[in-house]
């Protein structure tokens, strides 16, 4: 068996770079990586556990997409959810 490939990491922050396949999908769908958030981003923003995020996905609280095995969330939907859940 061959060796497993390690994820490519960027020098700043250690996030994975989009693969060429993912970049092609982003371009076709006109989705820019700046408009997407990872599970870690959402977890940090709301200060919640990964299981809570999984439950939100299951219950359709937050829209998401899966590209190349990675789950992404649309930043505008996350911001809208944050606004809705903010108590004034």
N, C-alpha and C. Protein backbone atom coordinates (compact mmCIF):
# COMPACT_ATOMS: atom_id res chain seq x y z
N UNK A 1 0.84 -1.19 0.00
CA UNK A 1 0.00 0.00 0.00
C UNK A 1 0.88 1.24 0.00
N UNK A 2 0.36 2.29 -0.65
CA UNK A 2 1.09 3.55 -0.71
C UNK A 2 0.91 4.37 0.55
N UNK A 3 1.74 5.36 0.66
CA UNK A 3 1.64 6.26 1.82
C UNK A 3 0.46 7.18 1.67
N UNK A 4 -0.13 7.54 2.80
CA UNK A 4 -1.21 8.51 2.79
C UNK A 4 -0.63 9.89 2.58
N UNK A 5 -1.32 10.70 1.80
CA UNK A 5 -0.87 12.08 1.59
C UNK A 5 -1.24 12.91 2.80
N UNK A 6 -0.32 13.72 3.22
CA UNK A 6 -0.60 14.66 4.30
C UNK A 6 -1.26 15.90 3.72
N UNK A 7 -2.19 16.50 4.47
CA UNK A 7 -2.82 17.72 3.95
C UNK A 7 -1.81 18.84 3.79
N UNK A 8 -1.99 19.61 2.75
CA UNK A 8 -1.13 20.76 2.51
C UNK A 8 -1.52 21.85 3.49
N UNK A 9 -0.53 22.42 4.14
CA UNK A 9 -0.82 23.48 5.11
C UNK A 9 -0.18 24.78 4.65
N UNK A 10 -0.84 25.86 4.97
CA UNK A 10 -0.30 27.17 4.64
C UNK A 10 0.61 27.61 5.77
N UNK A 11 1.57 28.48 5.47
CA UNK A 11 2.46 28.96 6.53
C UNK A 11 1.75 29.75 7.62
N UNK A 12 0.65 30.43 7.25
CA UNK A 12 -0.05 31.25 8.24
C UNK A 12 -1.29 30.53 8.74
N UNK A 13 -1.21 29.92 9.91
CA UNK A 13 -2.38 29.36 10.55
C UNK A 13 -2.60 27.88 10.33
N UNK A 14 -1.95 27.25 9.39
CA UNK A 14 -2.05 25.82 9.23
C UNK A 14 -3.32 25.32 8.57
N UNK A 15 -4.10 26.16 7.90
CA UNK A 15 -5.30 25.68 7.23
C UNK A 15 -4.93 25.01 5.92
N UNK A 16 -5.74 24.03 5.54
CA UNK A 16 -5.49 23.34 4.29
C UNK A 16 -5.78 24.26 3.11
N UNK A 17 -4.99 24.11 2.07
CA UNK A 17 -5.25 24.83 0.82
C UNK A 17 -6.26 24.04 0.01
N UNK A 18 -6.98 24.72 -0.83
CA UNK A 18 -7.93 24.05 -1.72
C UNK A 18 -7.13 23.26 -2.76
N UNK A 19 -7.58 22.06 -3.02
CA UNK A 19 -6.94 21.23 -4.05
C UNK A 19 -7.32 21.80 -5.42
N UNK A 20 -6.61 21.41 -6.47
CA UNK A 20 -7.00 21.88 -7.81
C UNK A 20 -8.44 21.51 -8.14
N UNK A 21 -8.88 20.33 -7.71
CA UNK A 21 -10.26 19.91 -7.97
C UNK A 21 -11.24 20.84 -7.23
N UNK A 22 -10.94 21.17 -5.99
CA UNK A 22 -11.80 22.06 -5.23
C UNK A 22 -11.84 23.46 -5.86
N UNK A 23 -10.66 23.95 -6.31
CA UNK A 23 -10.62 25.27 -6.93
C UNK A 23 -11.49 25.30 -8.19
N UNK A 24 -11.45 24.21 -8.98
CA UNK A 24 -12.28 24.13 -10.18
C UNK A 24 -13.76 24.18 -9.81
N UNK A 25 -14.14 23.43 -8.76
CA UNK A 25 -15.53 23.45 -8.31
C UNK A 25 -15.94 24.83 -7.83
N UNK A 26 -15.05 25.50 -7.09
CA UNK A 26 -15.34 26.85 -6.61
C UNK A 26 -15.58 27.79 -7.79
N UNK A 27 -14.72 27.68 -8.81
CA UNK A 27 -14.83 28.56 -9.97
C UNK A 27 -16.13 28.30 -10.73
N UNK A 28 -16.48 27.03 -10.92
CA UNK A 28 -17.71 26.69 -11.63
C UNK A 28 -18.94 27.20 -10.88
N UNK A 29 -18.92 27.08 -9.58
CA UNK A 29 -20.07 27.52 -8.77
C UNK A 29 -19.97 29.00 -8.41
N UNK A 30 -18.90 29.66 -8.84
CA UNK A 30 -18.66 31.07 -8.52
C UNK A 30 -18.64 31.28 -7.01
N UNK A 31 -18.01 30.34 -6.33
CA UNK A 31 -17.85 30.43 -4.88
C UNK A 31 -16.39 30.75 -4.61
N UNK A 32 -16.15 31.79 -3.87
CA UNK A 32 -14.77 32.09 -3.54
C UNK A 32 -14.48 31.57 -2.13
N UNK A 33 -13.27 31.09 -1.91
CA UNK A 33 -12.92 30.59 -0.57
C UNK A 33 -13.11 31.62 0.53
N UNK A 34 -13.07 32.90 0.18
CA UNK A 34 -13.27 33.96 1.18
C UNK A 34 -14.71 33.97 1.69
N UNK A 35 -15.64 33.37 0.93
CA UNK A 35 -17.04 33.36 1.33
C UNK A 35 -17.44 32.07 2.03
N UNK A 36 -16.47 31.23 2.32
CA UNK A 36 -16.74 29.95 2.97
C UNK A 36 -16.04 29.88 4.31
N UNK A 37 -16.62 29.11 5.22
CA UNK A 37 -16.01 28.90 6.54
C UNK A 37 -15.89 27.40 6.78
N UNK A 38 -14.86 27.02 7.51
CA UNK A 38 -14.69 25.62 7.88
C UNK A 38 -15.40 25.36 9.20
N UNK A 39 -15.47 24.09 9.57
CA UNK A 39 -16.07 23.72 10.86
C UNK A 39 -15.30 24.40 12.00
N UNK A 40 -13.98 24.44 11.89
CA UNK A 40 -13.17 25.08 12.93
C UNK A 40 -13.50 26.57 13.06
N UNK A 41 -13.73 27.23 11.92
CA UNK A 41 -14.09 28.66 11.94
C UNK A 41 -15.42 28.88 12.68
N UNK A 42 -16.41 28.05 12.35
CA UNK A 42 -17.73 28.17 12.97
C UNK A 42 -17.66 27.84 14.46
N UNK A 43 -16.89 26.82 14.77
CA UNK A 43 -16.71 26.39 16.17
C UNK A 43 -16.14 27.54 17.00
N UNK A 44 -15.13 28.21 16.45
CA UNK A 44 -14.49 29.32 17.16
C UNK A 44 -15.43 30.53 17.25
N UNK A 45 -16.15 30.83 16.18
CA UNK A 45 -17.02 32.00 16.16
C UNK A 45 -18.14 31.89 17.20
N UNK A 46 -18.77 30.72 17.30
CA UNK A 46 -19.88 30.53 18.22
C UNK A 46 -19.45 29.97 19.58
N UNK A 47 -18.18 29.59 19.68
CA UNK A 47 -17.65 28.98 20.91
C UNK A 47 -18.49 27.76 21.31
N UNK A 48 -18.66 26.85 20.34
CA UNK A 48 -19.44 25.63 20.55
C UNK A 48 -18.61 24.42 20.16
N UNK A 49 -19.09 23.26 20.53
CA UNK A 49 -18.38 22.02 20.23
C UNK A 49 -18.67 21.56 18.81
N UNK A 50 -17.82 20.67 18.34
CA UNK A 50 -18.00 20.11 17.00
C UNK A 50 -19.30 19.29 16.92
N UNK A 51 -19.67 18.65 18.02
CA UNK A 51 -20.92 17.88 18.02
C UNK A 51 -22.14 18.81 17.87
N UNK A 52 -22.05 20.01 18.41
CA UNK A 52 -23.15 20.98 18.23
C UNK A 52 -23.26 21.38 16.76
N UNK A 53 -22.13 21.58 16.12
CA UNK A 53 -22.13 21.93 14.70
C UNK A 53 -22.73 20.78 13.88
N UNK A 54 -22.35 19.55 14.22
CA UNK A 54 -22.93 18.38 13.52
C UNK A 54 -24.44 18.33 13.70
N UNK A 55 -24.90 18.63 14.92
CA UNK A 55 -26.34 18.64 15.20
C UNK A 55 -27.02 19.75 14.39
N UNK A 56 -26.41 20.92 14.31
CA UNK A 56 -26.96 22.01 13.52
C UNK A 56 -27.06 21.62 12.05
N UNK A 57 -26.03 20.93 11.55
CA UNK A 57 -26.10 20.46 10.16
C UNK A 57 -27.24 19.48 9.98
N UNK A 58 -27.33 18.51 10.90
CA UNK A 58 -28.38 17.49 10.82
C UNK A 58 -29.76 18.11 10.88
N UNK A 59 -29.93 19.09 11.75
CA UNK A 59 -31.23 19.74 11.94
C UNK A 59 -31.47 20.89 10.94
N UNK A 60 -30.54 21.05 10.00
CA UNK A 60 -30.63 22.07 8.95
C UNK A 60 -30.68 23.49 9.50
N UNK A 61 -30.01 23.71 10.62
CA UNK A 61 -29.92 25.06 11.19
C UNK A 61 -28.96 25.89 10.35
N UNK A 62 -27.88 25.28 9.89
CA UNK A 62 -26.90 25.99 9.07
C UNK A 62 -26.72 25.26 7.74
N UNK A 63 -26.84 25.98 6.63
CA UNK A 63 -26.60 25.37 5.33
C UNK A 63 -25.11 25.08 5.16
N UNK A 64 -24.81 23.99 4.49
CA UNK A 64 -23.43 23.60 4.29
C UNK A 64 -23.29 22.85 2.97
N UNK A 65 -22.06 22.68 2.57
CA UNK A 65 -21.77 21.90 1.38
C UNK A 65 -20.53 21.07 1.65
N UNK A 66 -20.44 19.94 0.99
CA UNK A 66 -19.28 19.08 1.15
C UNK A 66 -18.54 19.05 -0.17
N UNK A 67 -17.28 19.44 -0.14
CA UNK A 67 -16.45 19.48 -1.34
C UNK A 67 -15.17 18.71 -1.05
N UNK A 68 -14.96 17.66 -1.82
CA UNK A 68 -13.72 16.89 -1.67
C UNK A 68 -13.54 16.32 -0.28
N UNK A 69 -14.61 15.96 0.39
CA UNK A 69 -14.52 15.38 1.72
C UNK A 69 -14.49 16.39 2.85
N UNK A 70 -14.41 17.67 2.52
CA UNK A 70 -14.41 18.72 3.54
C UNK A 70 -15.76 19.42 3.55
N UNK A 71 -16.19 19.80 4.73
CA UNK A 71 -17.47 20.49 4.88
C UNK A 71 -17.21 21.99 5.00
N UNK A 72 -17.98 22.75 4.23
CA UNK A 72 -17.86 24.20 4.24
C UNK A 72 -19.22 24.81 4.53
N UNK A 73 -19.19 25.98 5.16
CA UNK A 73 -20.40 26.73 5.50
C UNK A 73 -20.33 28.06 4.79
N UNK A 74 -21.48 28.57 4.36
CA UNK A 74 -21.52 29.84 3.66
C UNK A 74 -21.49 30.98 4.68
N UNK A 75 -20.52 31.85 4.51
CA UNK A 75 -20.30 32.93 5.48
C UNK A 75 -21.54 33.79 5.66
N UNK A 76 -22.24 34.12 4.58
CA UNK A 76 -23.43 34.98 4.70
C UNK A 76 -24.51 34.29 5.54
N UNK A 77 -24.64 32.97 5.44
CA UNK A 77 -25.64 32.25 6.24
C UNK A 77 -25.24 32.21 7.71
N UNK A 78 -23.95 32.08 7.96
CA UNK A 78 -23.45 32.06 9.35
C UNK A 78 -23.66 33.43 9.99
N UNK A 79 -23.39 34.49 9.23
CA UNK A 79 -23.60 35.85 9.75
C UNK A 79 -25.08 36.07 10.05
N UNK A 80 -25.95 35.61 9.14
CA UNK A 80 -27.39 35.74 9.36
C UNK A 80 -27.82 34.99 10.62
N UNK A 81 -27.28 33.78 10.82
CA UNK A 81 -27.60 33.00 12.01
C UNK A 81 -27.12 33.72 13.27
N UNK A 82 -25.95 34.32 13.19
CA UNK A 82 -25.40 35.06 14.32
C UNK A 82 -26.30 36.25 14.67
N UNK A 83 -26.79 36.95 13.65
CA UNK A 83 -27.68 38.09 13.87
C UNK A 83 -28.98 37.63 14.51
N UNK A 84 -29.55 36.52 13.99
CA UNK A 84 -30.81 35.99 14.52
C UNK A 84 -30.69 35.55 15.97
N UNK A 85 -29.53 35.03 16.35
CA UNK A 85 -29.35 34.51 17.70
C UNK A 85 -28.81 35.54 18.68
N UNK A 86 -28.57 36.76 18.21
CA UNK A 86 -28.07 37.81 19.09
C UNK A 86 -29.25 38.43 19.83
N UNK A 87 -29.09 38.54 21.12
CA UNK A 87 -30.14 39.16 21.95
C UNK A 87 -29.77 40.61 22.21
N UNK A 88 -30.69 41.49 21.93
CA UNK A 88 -30.44 42.93 22.14
C UNK A 88 -31.14 43.42 23.37
